[in-house]
Amino acid sequence: MLGCVIHGQGDLRVDELPVPAPGPGHALVAVRYGGVCGSDLHYWRHGGVGDFRLKEPMLLGHEVVGTVVSYGDGASGPVPGTAVAVHPATPCGVCPECADGRRNVCRDTRYLGSAARFPHVQGGFAAQVAVPANQLRPLPAGLELRRAALAEPLSVALHAVRRAGEVAGRHVLVTGAGPIGCLVVAAAKAAGAARVTVTDLLPTALEYARIAGADSLVRADDPDDAGWPAEVDVAIEASGVAAGLDTCLRLVRRGGVVVQLGMLPPGQSPFAGNLVVSREIELRGAFRFDTEFDDALELLAAEASFDGLVSAVVPVREAESAFALAADRSTSCKVLLDFAG
């Protein structure tokens, strides 16, 4: 079978791999689609994500959907042939954070396609993958696999919006209109936000934000853009760029909430901490997700508009082209790998 393996910085290969046998407690899934994530792109272009560096070849991918093939000893779940999405995280269940119900920041989690630990946790970009059976989620009625491939990034967006607190009836700013930023727009609107303003440098990215439901689009490099709000109630930084955080801190109202979702570069970042103090702004981080995965599937089943955020579906044999397309935000939003055939 074919799998998309990163061997080092800039060294992405489509390798012939053996079909895994599901071990005890595991299920074998025939993968149909896998979404190319920003972290996959970081492993490809930079050989790592933040402090997580590649130390061995790693099967990429944590946004995967497909159908159940079989189960290992002691495992059970949806019957073979059932369409499923795969929750990518296996928290340890015993650390203080897990005990406190914050499994998304587990100290010893296993996350598909991650170099956070060694040996690395192999990912899901292969024709068939073996995963813990309790990570399978049957798709809601009417949800097809292509749209369901957005479940993992939408879960990230839903978690960020929940970290912001109450957004119903409020004006929300989102800086960065990449795939995650666009899904934050959709999540905020689903949570009842009265208005969502989005900033980005690229017209194409802003157009995808409009598809996601944004009410106002602003060119981040144009201080005279008429769409700039005087202030907002909540700001969610989704670009991972320090300038985006600065924009959030300067536009959120006194006593407002800023959620940092985009992963900033390692080390120190410029930070207008004086505004946090003098305006009593609440700055909160948002990392991955937990129970939001099931909510994401239900929202995807209810909203056909998410289809417009999938800009390309590329055969796995052309994985490097798919990654290049996903990295070009001037032309694409979410790019999927297709493992059919």
C-alpha atoms as a PDB file:
ATOM      1  CA  MET A   1       0.000   0.000   0.000  1.00  0.00           C
ATOM      2  CA  LEU A   2       1.051   3.631  -0.437  1.00  0.00           C
ATOM      3  CA  GLY A   3       1.881   6.001   2.406  1.00  0.00           C
ATOM      4  CA  CYS A   4       3.042   9.612   2.608  1.00  0.00           C
ATOM      5  CA  VAL A   5       6.269   9.624   4.642  1.00  0.00           C
ATOM      6  CA  ILE A   6       8.486  12.542   5.639  1.00  0.00           C
ATOM      7  CA  HIS A   7      12.155  11.466   5.768  1.00  0.00           C
ATOM      8  CA  GLY A   8      13.633  14.843   6.644  1.00  0.00           C
ATOM      9  CA  GLN A   9      13.353  18.521   5.852  1.00  0.00           C
ATOM     10  CA  GLY A  10      12.117  18.834   2.253  1.00  0.00           C
ATOM     11  CA  ASP A  11      12.204  15.060   1.773  1.00  0.00           C
ATOM     12  CA  LEU A  12       8.602  13.929   1.290  1.00  0.00           C
ATOM     13  CA  ARG A  13       8.095  10.518  -0.305  1.00  0.00           C
ATOM     14  CA  VAL A  14       5.223   8.274  -1.309  1.00  0.00           C
ATOM     15  CA  ASP A  15       6.524   4.939  -0.061  1.00  0.00           C
ATOM     16  CA  GLU A  16       5.304   1.400  -0.526  1.00  0.00           C
ATOM     17  CA  LEU A  17       4.433   0.176   2.971  1.00  0.00           C
ATOM     18  CA  PRO A  18       3.183  -3.110   4.436  1.00  0.00           C
ATOM     19  CA  VAL A  19      -0.458  -3.264   5.467  1.00  0.00           C
ATOM     20  CA  PRO A  20      -0.506  -3.148   9.282  1.00  0.00           C
ATOM     21  CA  ALA A  21      -2.254  -5.799  11.346  1.00  0.00           C
ATOM     22  CA  PRO A  22      -4.491  -4.323  14.042  1.00  0.00           C
ATOM     23  CA  GLY A  23      -3.129  -5.267  17.450  1.00  0.00           C
ATOM     24  CA  PRO A  24      -5.136  -5.826  20.624  1.00  0.00           C
ATOM     25  CA  GLY A  25      -7.652  -3.041  21.140  1.00  0.00           C
ATOM     26  CA  HIS A  26      -7.022  -1.619  17.665  1.00  0.00           C
ATOM     27  CA  ALA A  27      -8.982  -1.288  14.440  1.00  0.00           C
ATOM     28  CA  LEU A  28      -7.823  -1.337  10.837  1.00  0.00           C
ATOM     29  CA  VAL A  29      -9.223   1.534   8.767  1.00  0.00           C
ATOM     30  CA  ALA A  30      -9.133   1.918   4.989  1.00  0.00           C
ATOM     31  CA  VAL A  31      -8.351   5.612   4.631  1.00  0.00           C
ATOM     32  CA  ARG A  32     -10.174   7.507   1.900  1.00  0.00           C
ATOM     33  CA  TYR A  33      -9.207  11.139   2.542  1.00  0.00           C
ATOM     34  CA  GLY A  34      -6.547  12.900   4.574  1.00  0.00           C
ATOM     35  CA  GLY A  35      -6.406  16.647   5.069  1.00  0.00           C
ATOM     36  CA  VAL A  36      -3.024  18.358   4.727  1.00  0.00           C
ATOM     37  CA  CYS A  37      -2.536  20.408   7.898  1.00  0.00           C
ATOM     38  CA  GLY A  38      -0.200  23.279   8.683  1.00  0.00           C
ATOM     39  CA  SER A  39       1.831  20.983  10.932  1.00  0.00           C
ATOM     40  CA  ASP A  40       2.300  18.531   8.039  1.00  0.00           C
ATOM     41  CA  LEU A  41       3.620  21.431   5.984  1.00  0.00           C
ATOM     42  CA  HIS A  42       6.011  22.420   8.795  1.00  0.00           C
ATOM     43  CA  TYR A  43       7.472  18.919   8.942  1.00  0.00           C
ATOM     44  CA  TRP A  44       7.917  19.034   5.167  1.00  0.00           C
ATOM     45  CA  ARG A  45       9.419  22.507   4.884  1.00  0.00           C
ATOM     46  CA  HIS A  46      11.266  22.831   8.201  1.00  0.00           C
ATOM     47  CA  GLY A  47      11.815  19.314   9.501  1.00  0.00           C
ATOM     48  CA  GLY A  48       9.735  19.950  12.593  1.00  0.00           C
ATOM     49  CA  VAL A  49       6.977  21.858  14.318  1.00  0.00           C
ATOM     50  CA  GLY A  50       8.152  24.243  17.013  1.00  0.00           C
ATOM     51  CA  ASP A  51      10.352  22.225  19.345  1.00  0.00           C
ATOM     52  CA  PHE A  52       9.247  18.891  17.856  1.00  0.00           C
ATOM     53  CA  ARG A  53      12.009  17.834  15.437  1.00  0.00           C
ATOM     54  CA  LEU A  54      12.114  14.834  13.116  1.00  0.00           C
ATOM     55  CA  LYS A  55      14.488  12.128  14.308  1.00  0.00           C
ATOM     56  CA  GLU A  56      13.278   9.307  12.068  1.00  0.00           C
ATOM     57  CA  PRO A  57      11.025   8.858   9.008  1.00  0.00           C
ATOM     58  CA  MET A  58       7.424   9.473   9.950  1.00  0.00           C
ATOM     59  CA  LEU A  59       4.103   8.762   8.299  1.00  0.00           C
ATOM     60  CA  LEU A  60       2.349  12.121   8.273  1.00  0.00           C
ATOM     61  CA  GLY A  61      -1.322  12.935   8.744  1.00  0.00           C
ATOM     62  CA  HIS A  62      -3.843  13.303  11.544  1.00  0.00           C
ATOM     63  CA  GLU A  63      -6.948  14.461   9.630  1.00  0.00           C
ATOM     64  CA  VAL A  64      -8.187  11.131   8.282  1.00  0.00           C
ATOM     65  CA  VAL A  65     -11.490   9.497   7.408  1.00  0.00           C
ATOM     66  CA  GLY A  66     -12.334   6.147   5.848  1.00  0.00           C
ATOM     67  CA  THR A  67     -14.110   2.860   6.495  1.00  0.00           C
ATOM     68  CA  VAL A  68     -13.624   0.147   9.095  1.00  0.00           C
ATOM     69  CA  VAL A  69     -11.890  -2.995   7.792  1.00  0.00           C
ATOM     70  CA  SER A  70     -11.357  -5.232  10.829  1.00  0.00           C
ATOM     71  CA  TYR A  71     -10.503  -5.373  14.524  1.00  0.00           C
ATOM     72  CA  GLY A  72      -7.702  -6.828  16.614  1.00  0.00           C
ATOM     73  CA  ASP A  73      -8.172  -8.988  19.699  1.00  0.00           C
ATOM     74  CA  GLY A  74     -10.452  -7.501  22.319  1.00  0.00           C
ATOM     75  CA  ALA A  75     -11.488  -4.578  20.134  1.00  0.00           C
ATOM     76  CA  SER A  76     -14.972  -3.681  19.036  1.00  0.00           C
ATOM     77  CA  GLY A  77     -16.747  -0.759  17.454  1.00  0.00           C
ATOM     78  CA  PRO A  78     -18.653   0.143  14.305  1.00  0.00           C
ATOM     79  CA  VAL A  79     -19.169  -2.853  12.036  1.00  0.00           C
ATOM     80  CA  PRO A  80     -16.718  -3.309   9.155  1.00  0.00           C
ATOM     81  CA  GLY A  81     -17.693  -1.137   6.216  1.00  0.00           C
ATOM     82  CA  THR A  82     -18.885   1.732   8.429  1.00  0.00           C
ATOM     83  CA  ALA A  83     -17.685   5.201   7.431  1.00  0.00           C
ATOM     84  CA  VAL A  84     -15.689   6.752  10.273  1.00  0.00           C
ATOM     85  CA  ALA A  85     -13.539   9.703  11.232  1.00  0.00           C
ATOM     86  CA  VAL A  86     -10.477   9.062  13.390  1.00  0.00           C
ATOM     87  CA  HIS A  87      -9.938  11.119  16.541  1.00  0.00           C
ATOM     88  CA  PRO A  88      -6.140  11.563  16.425  1.00  0.00           C
ATOM     89  CA  ALA A  89      -5.357  11.829  20.146  1.00  0.00           C
ATOM     90  CA  THR A  90      -4.743   9.167  22.774  1.00  0.00           C
ATOM     91  CA  PRO A  91      -4.260  10.974  26.109  1.00  0.00           C
ATOM     92  CA  CYS A  92      -2.537   9.133  28.949  1.00  0.00           C
ATOM     93  CA  GLY A  93      -5.533   9.437  31.282  1.00  0.00           C
ATOM     94  CA  VAL A  94      -3.420   9.650  34.451  1.00  0.00           C
ATOM     95  CA  CYS A  95      -1.570  12.985  34.427  1.00  0.00           C
ATOM     96  CA  PRO A  96      -2.927  15.972  36.437  1.00  0.00           C
ATOM     97  CA  GLU A  97      -4.334  17.578  33.297  1.00  0.00           C
ATOM     98  CA  CYS A  98      -6.216  14.445  32.252  1.00  0.00           C
ATOM     99  CA  ALA A  99      -7.554  14.116  35.794  1.00  0.00           C
ATOM    100  CA  ASP A 100      -8.734  17.728  35.578  1.00  0.00           C
ATOM    101  CA  GLY A 101     -10.634  17.087  32.343  1.00  0.00           C
ATOM    102  CA  ARG A 102      -8.137  18.908  30.104  1.00  0.00           C
ATOM    103  CA  ARG A 103      -6.957  15.968  28.065  1.00  0.00           C
ATOM    104  CA  ASN A 104      -6.000  18.205  25.132  1.00  0.00           C
ATOM    105  CA  VAL A 105      -2.962  19.372  27.155  1.00  0.00           C
ATOM    106  CA  CYS A 106      -2.076  15.873  28.411  1.00  0.00           C
ATOM    107  CA  ARG A 107       1.592  15.600  29.375  1.00  0.00           C
ATOM    108  CA  ASP A 108       2.067  12.265  27.617  1.00  0.00           C
ATOM    109  CA  THR A 109      -0.455  12.151  24.794  1.00  0.00           C
ATOM    110  CA  ARG A 110       0.021  10.196  21.592  1.00  0.00           C
ATOM    111  CA  TYR A 111      -1.083  12.189  18.550  1.00  0.00           C
ATOM    112  CA  LEU A 112      -1.141  10.781  15.032  1.00  0.00           C
ATOM    113  CA  GLY A 113       1.700  12.019  12.859  1.00  0.00           C
ATOM    114  CA  SER A 114       3.603  13.789  15.635  1.00  0.00           C
ATOM    115  CA  ALA A 115       7.320  13.967  16.442  1.00  0.00           C
ATOM    116  CA  ALA A 116       6.631  15.190  19.983  1.00  0.00           C
ATOM    117  CA  ARG A 117       7.921  11.880  21.333  1.00  0.00           C
ATOM    118  CA  PHE A 118      10.468   9.309  20.190  1.00  0.00           C
ATOM    119  CA  PRO A 119       9.858   6.915  18.606  1.00  0.00           C
ATOM    120  CA  HIS A 120       7.473   9.202  16.758  1.00  0.00           C
ATOM    121  CA  VAL A 121       3.756   8.466  16.584  1.00  0.00           C
ATOM    122  CA  GLN A 122       3.161   7.397  12.997  1.00  0.00           C
ATOM    123  CA  GLY A 123       0.305   9.174  11.234  1.00  0.00           C
ATOM    124  CA  GLY A 124      -2.651   8.297   9.076  1.00  0.00           C
ATOM    125  CA  PHE A 125      -1.568   9.190   5.529  1.00  0.00           C
ATOM    126  CA  ALA A 126      -1.635   5.617   4.243  1.00  0.00           C
ATOM    127  CA  ALA A 127      -4.115   3.454   2.393  1.00  0.00           C
ATOM    128  CA  GLN A 128      -4.753   1.513   5.615  1.00  0.00           C
ATOM    129  CA  VAL A 129      -3.914   2.422   9.210  1.00  0.00           C
ATOM    130  CA  ALA A 130      -4.280   0.694  12.561  1.00  0.00           C
ATOM    131  CA  VAL A 131      -5.575   2.948  15.346  1.00  0.00           C
ATOM    132  CA  PRO A 132      -7.053   2.412  18.819  1.00  0.00           C
ATOM    133  CA  ALA A 133     -10.640   1.314  18.280  1.00  0.00           C
ATOM    134  CA  ASN A 134     -11.952   3.862  20.770  1.00  0.00           C
ATOM    135  CA  GLN A 135     -10.755   6.643  18.458  1.00  0.00           C
ATOM    136  CA  LEU A 136     -13.257   5.732  15.731  1.00  0.00           C
ATOM    137  CA  ARG A 137     -16.268   7.985  15.290  1.00  0.00           C
ATOM    138  CA  PRO A 138     -19.094   6.844  12.971  1.00  0.00           C
ATOM    139  CA  LEU A 139     -20.228   9.616  10.649  1.00  0.00           C
ATOM    140  CA  PRO A 140     -23.655  11.131  11.329  1.00  0.00           C
ATOM    141  CA  ALA A 141     -26.369  10.322   8.808  1.00  0.00           C
ATOM    142  CA  GLY A 142     -25.933  12.268   5.598  1.00  0.00           C
ATOM    143  CA  LEU A 143     -22.297  13.251   6.173  1.00  0.00           C
ATOM    144  CA  GLU A 144     -20.062  12.036   3.368  1.00  0.00           C
ATOM    145  CA  LEU A 145     -16.366  11.329   3.776  1.00  0.00           C
ATOM    146  CA  ARG A 146     -15.062  14.299   1.800  1.00  0.00           C
ATOM    147  CA  ARG A 147     -16.662  16.876   4.093  1.00  0.00           C
ATOM    148  CA  ALA A 148     -16.000  14.754   7.178  1.00  0.00           C
ATOM    149  CA  ALA A 149     -12.267  15.156   6.525  1.00  0.00           C
ATOM    150  CA  LEU A 150     -12.660  18.648   8.021  1.00  0.00           C
ATOM    151  CA  ALA A 151     -13.610  17.228  11.431  1.00  0.00           C
ATOM    152  CA  GLU A 152     -10.185  17.521  13.044  1.00  0.00           C
ATOM    153  CA  PRO A 153      -9.441  21.159  12.091  1.00  0.00           C
ATOM    154  CA  LEU A 154     -13.037  22.156  12.836  1.00  0.00           C
ATOM    155  CA  SER A 155     -12.589  20.629  16.297  1.00  0.00           C
ATOM    156  CA  VAL A 156      -9.578  22.897  16.820  1.00  0.00           C
ATOM    157  CA  ALA A 157     -11.705  25.880  15.804  1.00  0.00           C
ATOM    158  CA  LEU A 158     -14.593  24.901  18.074  1.00  0.00           C
ATOM    159  CA  HIS A 159     -12.214  24.565  21.012  1.00  0.00           C
ATOM    160  CA  ALA A 160     -10.755  28.026  20.364  1.00  0.00           C
ATOM    161  CA  VAL A 161     -14.219  29.577  20.282  1.00  0.00           C
ATOM    162  CA  ARG A 162     -15.123  27.835  23.538  1.00  0.00           C
ATOM    163  CA  ARG A 163     -11.938  29.142  25.124  1.00  0.00           C
ATOM    164  CA  ALA A 164     -13.210  32.633  24.294  1.00  0.00           C
ATOM    165  CA  GLY A 165     -16.264  32.154  26.501  1.00  0.00           C
ATOM    166  CA  GLU A 166     -19.627  33.585  25.525  1.00  0.00           C
ATOM    167  CA  VAL A 167     -19.620  34.818  21.921  1.00  0.00           C
ATOM    168  CA  ALA A 168     -23.365  34.842  21.229  1.00  0.00           C
ATOM    169  CA  GLY A 169     -24.463  38.306  20.172  1.00  0.00           C
ATOM    170  CA  ARG A 170     -20.892  39.602  20.151  1.00  0.00           C
ATOM    171  CA  HIS A 171     -18.465  40.984  17.585  1.00  0.00           C
ATOM    172  CA  VAL A 172     -15.602  38.554  16.988  1.00  0.00           C
ATOM    173  CA  LEU A 173     -12.332  39.355  15.200  1.00  0.00           C
ATOM    174  CA  VAL A 174     -10.333  36.562  13.549  1.00  0.00           C
ATOM    175  CA  THR A 175      -6.796  37.342  12.383  1.00  0.00           C
ATOM    176  CA  GLY A 176      -5.618  34.925   9.702  1.00  0.00           C
ATOM    177  CA  ALA A 177      -7.885  33.318   7.101  1.00  0.00           C
ATOM    178  CA  GLY A 178      -6.077  30.050   6.548  1.00  0.00           C
ATOM    179  CA  PRO A 179      -8.037  26.798   6.874  1.00  0.00           C
ATOM    180  CA  ILE A 180      -8.137  27.048  10.675  1.00  0.00           C
ATOM    181  CA  GLY A 181      -9.068  30.733  10.629  1.00  0.00           C
ATOM    182  CA  CYS A 182     -11.912  30.074   8.195  1.00  0.00           C
ATOM    183  CA  LEU A 183     -13.189  27.259  10.383  1.00  0.00           C
ATOM    184  CA  VAL A 184     -13.009  29.578  13.410  1.00  0.00           C
ATOM    185  CA  VAL A 185     -15.325  31.901  11.477  1.00  0.00           C
ATOM    186  CA  ALA A 186     -17.795  29.053  10.962  1.00  0.00           C
ATOM    187  CA  ALA A 187     -17.494  27.972  14.598  1.00  0.00           C
ATOM    188  CA  ALA A 188     -18.086  31.512  15.878  1.00  0.00           C
ATOM    189  CA  LYS A 189     -21.159  31.942  13.683  1.00  0.00           C
ATOM    190  CA  ALA A 190     -22.478  28.568  14.842  1.00  0.00           C
ATOM    191  CA  ALA A 191     -22.017  29.764  18.442  1.00  0.00           C
ATOM    192  CA  GLY A 192     -24.198  32.790  17.733  1.00  0.00           C
ATOM    193  CA  ALA A 193     -21.669  35.559  17.086  1.00  0.00           C
ATOM    194  CA  ALA A 194     -23.500  38.648  15.846  1.00  0.00           C
ATOM    195  CA  ARG A 195     -20.641  39.728  13.602  1.00  0.00           C
ATOM    196  CA  VAL A 196     -17.333  38.199  12.551  1.00  0.00           C
ATOM    197  CA  THR A 197     -14.575  40.331  11.044  1.00  0.00           C
ATOM    198  CA  VAL A 198     -11.592  38.602   9.416  1.00  0.00           C
ATOM    199  CA  THR A 199      -8.190  40.012   8.500  1.00  0.00           C
ATOM    200  CA  ASP A 200      -5.608  38.566   6.132  1.00  0.00           C
ATOM    201  CA  LEU A 201      -3.038  39.713   3.586  1.00  0.00           C
ATOM    202  CA  LEU A 202      -4.380  37.623   0.713  1.00  0.00           C
ATOM    203  CA  PRO A 203      -7.590  38.267  -1.259  1.00  0.00           C
ATOM    204  CA  THR A 204      -8.097  34.550  -1.927  1.00  0.00           C
ATOM    205  CA  ALA A 205      -7.889  33.730   1.778  1.00  0.00           C
ATOM    206  CA  LEU A 206     -10.435  36.431   2.548  1.00  0.00           C
ATOM    207  CA  GLU A 207     -12.765  35.019  -0.086  1.00  0.00           C
ATOM    208  CA  TYR A 208     -12.639  31.637   1.652  1.00  0.00           C
ATOM    209  CA  ALA A 209     -13.440  33.418   4.922  1.00  0.00           C
ATOM    210  CA  ARG A 210     -16.507  34.866   3.230  1.00  0.00           C
ATOM    211  CA  ILE A 211     -17.569  31.361   2.213  1.00  0.00           C
ATOM    212  CA  ALA A 212     -17.171  30.337   5.858  1.00  0.00           C
ATOM    213  CA  GLY A 213     -19.587  33.068   6.927  1.00  0.00           C
ATOM    214  CA  ALA A 214     -17.507  36.176   7.667  1.00  0.00           C
ATOM    215  CA  ASP A 215     -19.481  39.423   7.777  1.00  0.00           C
ATOM    216  CA  SER A 216     -16.559  41.773   7.133  1.00  0.00           C
ATOM    217  CA  LEU A 217     -13.248  41.218   5.334  1.00  0.00           C
ATOM    218  CA  VAL A 218     -10.187  43.398   5.967  1.00  0.00           C
ATOM    219  CA  ARG A 219      -6.828  43.556   4.213  1.00  0.00           C
ATOM    220  CA  ALA A 220      -4.365  43.336   7.092  1.00  0.00           C
ATOM    221  CA  ASP A 221      -1.796  45.444   5.239  1.00  0.00           C
ATOM    222  CA  ASP A 222      -4.200  48.325   4.542  1.00  0.00           C
ATOM    223  CA  PRO A 223      -4.694  50.611   7.557  1.00  0.00           C
ATOM    224  CA  ASP A 224      -7.259  52.588   5.558  1.00  0.00           C
ATOM    225  CA  ASP A 225      -9.469  49.589   4.785  1.00  0.00           C
ATOM    226  CA  ALA A 226     -13.025  50.642   5.581  1.00  0.00           C
ATOM    227  CA  GLY A 227     -13.722  47.280   7.196  1.00  0.00           C
ATOM    228  CA  TRP A 228     -11.522  47.844  10.248  1.00  0.00           C
ATOM    229  CA  PRO A 229     -13.735  47.842  13.373  1.00  0.00           C
ATOM    230  CA  ALA A 230     -13.347  50.447  16.095  1.00  0.00           C
ATOM    231  CA  GLU A 231     -13.280  47.619  18.636  1.00  0.00           C
ATOM    232  CA  VAL A 232     -14.454  44.036  19.096  1.00  0.00           C
ATOM    233  CA  ASP A 233     -15.628  41.967  22.048  1.00  0.00           C
ATOM    234  CA  VAL A 234     -13.533  38.885  21.325  1.00  0.00           C
ATOM    235  CA  ALA A 235     -10.444  38.365  19.163  1.00  0.00           C
ATOM    236  CA  ILE A 236      -9.072  35.011  18.034  1.00  0.00           C
ATOM    237  CA  GLU A 237      -5.550  35.028  16.610  1.00  0.00           C
ATOM    238  CA  ALA A 238      -5.288  32.265  14.008  1.00  0.00           C
ATOM    239  CA  SER A 239      -2.275  33.293  11.927  1.00  0.00           C
ATOM    240  CA  GLY A 240       0.553  32.342  14.270  1.00  0.00           C
ATOM    241  CA  VAL A 241       2.198  35.691  13.513  1.00  0.00           C
ATOM    242  CA  ALA A 242       3.111  38.213  16.215  1.00  0.00           C
ATOM    243  CA  ALA A 243       1.574  41.041  14.189  1.00  0.00           C
ATOM    244  CA  GLY A 244      -1.765  39.236  14.345  1.00  0.00           C
ATOM    245  CA  LEU A 245      -1.627  39.090  18.135  1.00  0.00           C
ATOM    246  CA  ASP A 246      -0.783  42.786  18.234  1.00  0.00           C
ATOM    247  CA  THR A 247      -3.848  43.541  16.100  1.00  0.00           C
ATOM    248  CA  CYS A 248      -6.030  41.528  18.466  1.00  0.00           C
ATOM    249  CA  LEU A 249      -4.722  43.310  21.554  1.00  0.00           C
ATOM    250  CA  ARG A 250      -5.234  46.742  20.017  1.00  0.00           C
ATOM    251  CA  LEU A 251      -8.771  46.110  18.745  1.00  0.00           C
ATOM    252  CA  VAL A 252     -10.353  44.115  21.558  1.00  0.00           C
ATOM    253  CA  ARG A 253     -12.386  46.233  23.969  1.00  0.00           C
ATOM    254  CA  ARG A 254     -11.349  46.915  27.550  1.00  0.00           C
ATOM    255  CA  GLY A 255     -11.976  43.780  29.560  1.00  0.00           C
ATOM    256  CA  GLY A 256     -12.278  41.750  26.355  1.00  0.00           C
ATOM    257  CA  VAL A 257     -10.862  38.320  25.550  1.00  0.00           C
ATOM    258  CA  VAL A 258      -8.052  37.419  23.150  1.00  0.00           C
ATOM    259  CA  VAL A 259      -7.479  33.753  22.273  1.00  0.00           C
ATOM    260  CA  GLN A 260      -4.092  32.813  20.831  1.00  0.00           C
ATOM    261  CA  LEU A 261      -4.735  29.824  18.572  1.00  0.00           C
ATOM    262  CA  GLY A 262      -2.061  30.160  15.886  1.00  0.00           C
ATOM    263  CA  MET A 263       1.236  28.578  16.944  1.00  0.00           C
ATOM    264  CA  LEU A 264       3.799  31.359  17.345  1.00  0.00           C
ATOM    265  CA  PRO A 265       7.460  30.625  16.513  1.00  0.00           C
ATOM    266  CA  PRO A 266       9.598  29.108  19.292  1.00  0.00           C
ATOM    267  CA  GLY A 267      11.322  31.559  21.604  1.00  0.00           C
ATOM    268  CA  GLN A 268      10.329  35.090  22.470  1.00  0.00           C
ATOM    269  CA  SER A 269       7.732  37.018  20.464  1.00  0.00           C
ATOM    270  CA  PRO A 270       6.982  40.765  20.517  1.00  0.00           C
ATOM    271  CA  PHE A 271       4.060  41.301  22.850  1.00  0.00           C
ATOM    272  CA  ALA A 272       2.121  44.442  23.844  1.00  0.00           C
ATOM    273  CA  GLY A 273       1.826  43.342  27.456  1.00  0.00           C
ATOM    274  CA  ASN A 274       1.131  46.900  28.572  1.00  0.00           C
ATOM    275  CA  LEU A 275      -2.276  46.689  26.880  1.00  0.00           C
ATOM    276  CA  VAL A 276      -3.118  43.468  28.695  1.00  0.00           C
ATOM    277  CA  VAL A 277      -2.469  45.271  31.984  1.00  0.00           C
ATOM    278  CA  SER A 278      -3.929  48.726  31.339  1.00  0.00           C
ATOM    279  CA  ARG A 279      -7.061  47.436  29.607  1.00  0.00           C
ATOM    280  CA  GLU A 280      -7.470  44.259  31.683  1.00  0.00           C
ATOM    281  CA  ILE A 281      -7.531  42.089  28.584  1.00  0.00           C
ATOM    282  CA  GLU A 282      -7.793  38.350  29.159  1.00  0.00           C
ATOM    283  CA  LEU A 283      -5.265  36.479  27.007  1.00  0.00           C
ATOM    284  CA  ARG A 284      -5.982  32.756  26.687  1.00  0.00           C
ATOM    285  CA  GLY A 285      -4.271  29.981  24.786  1.00  0.00           C
ATOM    286  CA  ALA A 286      -6.081  27.315  22.784  1.00  0.00           C
ATOM    287  CA  PHE A 287      -4.415  23.999  21.930  1.00  0.00           C
ATOM    288  CA  ARG A 288      -5.937  21.186  19.902  1.00  0.00           C
ATOM    289  CA  PHE A 289      -9.271  19.897  21.267  1.00  0.00           C
ATOM    290  CA  ASP A 290     -10.943  17.035  23.110  1.00  0.00           C
ATOM    291  CA  THR A 291     -14.683  16.362  23.124  1.00  0.00           C
ATOM    292  CA  GLU A 292     -15.260  18.904  20.350  1.00  0.00           C
ATOM    293  CA  PHE A 293     -14.579  16.199  17.753  1.00  0.00           C
ATOM    294  CA  ASP A 294     -18.081  14.775  18.047  1.00  0.00           C
ATOM    295  CA  ASP A 295     -19.582  18.271  17.899  1.00  0.00           C
ATOM    296  CA  ALA A 296     -17.571  18.980  14.756  1.00  0.00           C
ATOM    297  CA  LEU A 297     -19.031  15.957  12.993  1.00  0.00           C
ATOM    298  CA  GLU A 298     -22.575  17.049  13.849  1.00  0.00           C
ATOM    299  CA  LEU A 299     -21.928  20.587  12.602  1.00  0.00           C
ATOM    300  CA  LEU A 300     -20.416  19.286   9.369  1.00  0.00           C
ATOM    301  CA  ALA A 301     -23.465  17.087   8.818  1.00  0.00           C
ATOM    302  CA  ALA A 302     -25.734  20.109   9.211  1.00  0.00           C
ATOM    303  CA  GLU A 303     -23.879  22.615   7.014  1.00  0.00           C
ATOM    304  CA  ALA A 304     -23.200  21.947   3.330  1.00  0.00           C
ATOM    305  CA  SER A 305     -21.345  25.271   3.066  1.00  0.00           C
ATOM    306  CA  PHE A 306     -18.216  23.589   4.456  1.00  0.00           C
ATOM    307  CA  ASP A 307     -17.777  21.924   1.060  1.00  0.00           C
ATOM    308  CA  GLY A 308     -16.622  25.271  -0.310  1.00  0.00           C
ATOM    309  CA  LEU A 309     -13.529  25.239   1.915  1.00  0.00           C
ATOM    310  CA  VAL A 310     -12.094  22.123   0.236  1.00  0.00           C
ATOM    311  CA  SER A 311     -10.148  23.671  -2.609  1.00  0.00           C
ATOM    312  CA  ALA A 312      -8.541  20.525  -4.053  1.00  0.00           C
ATOM    313  CA  VAL A 313      -8.524  16.728  -3.792  1.00  0.00           C
ATOM    314  CA  VAL A 314      -5.234  15.218  -4.981  1.00  0.00           C
ATOM    315  CA  PRO A 315      -4.284  11.523  -5.454  1.00  0.00           C
ATOM    316  CA  VAL A 316      -1.747  10.371  -2.868  1.00  0.00           C
ATOM    317  CA  ARG A 317       0.729   9.515  -5.639  1.00  0.00           C
ATOM    318  CA  GLU A 318       0.958  13.279  -6.224  1.00  0.00           C
ATOM    319  CA  ALA A 319       1.494  14.097  -2.551  1.00  0.00           C
ATOM    320  CA  GLU A 320       4.321  16.566  -3.114  1.00  0.00           C
ATOM    321  CA  SER A 321       2.138  18.564  -5.507  1.00  0.00           C
ATOM    322  CA  ALA A 322      -0.649  18.483  -2.925  1.00  0.00           C
ATOM    323  CA  PHE A 323       1.682  19.823  -0.246  1.00  0.00           C
ATOM    324  CA  ALA A 324       2.921  22.581  -2.541  1.00  0.00           C
ATOM    325  CA  LEU A 325      -0.666  23.537  -3.302  1.00  0.00           C
ATOM    326  CA  ALA A 326      -1.616  23.524   0.389  1.00  0.00           C
ATOM    327  CA  ALA A 327       1.371  25.748   1.150  1.00  0.00           C
ATOM    328  CA  ASP A 328       0.265  28.302  -1.452  1.00  0.00           C
ATOM    329  CA  ARG A 329      -2.409  30.249   0.401  1.00  0.00           C
ATOM    330  CA  SER A 330      -2.842  32.555  -2.572  1.00  0.00           C
ATOM    331  CA  THR A 331      -4.716  29.774  -4.378  1.00  0.00           C
ATOM    332  CA  SER A 332      -5.981  27.234  -1.842  1.00  0.00           C
ATOM    333  CA  CYS A 333      -7.706  26.619   1.471  1.00  0.00           C
ATOM    334  CA  LYS A 334      -7.972  22.965   2.552  1.00  0.00           C
ATOM    335  CA  VAL A 335      -6.282  20.354   0.357  1.00  0.00           C
ATOM    336  CA  LEU A 336      -7.153  16.666   0.723  1.00  0.00           C
ATOM    337  CA  LEU A 337      -5.138  13.610  -0.250  1.00  0.00           C
ATOM    338  CA  ASP A 338      -7.214  10.871  -1.878  1.00  0.00           C
ATOM    339  CA  PHE A 339      -6.159   7.305  -1.054  1.00  0.00           C
ATOM    340  CA  ALA A 340      -8.728   5.565  -3.272  1.00  0.00           C
ATOM    341  CA  GLY A 341      -7.212   2.995  -5.556  1.00  0.00           C
END
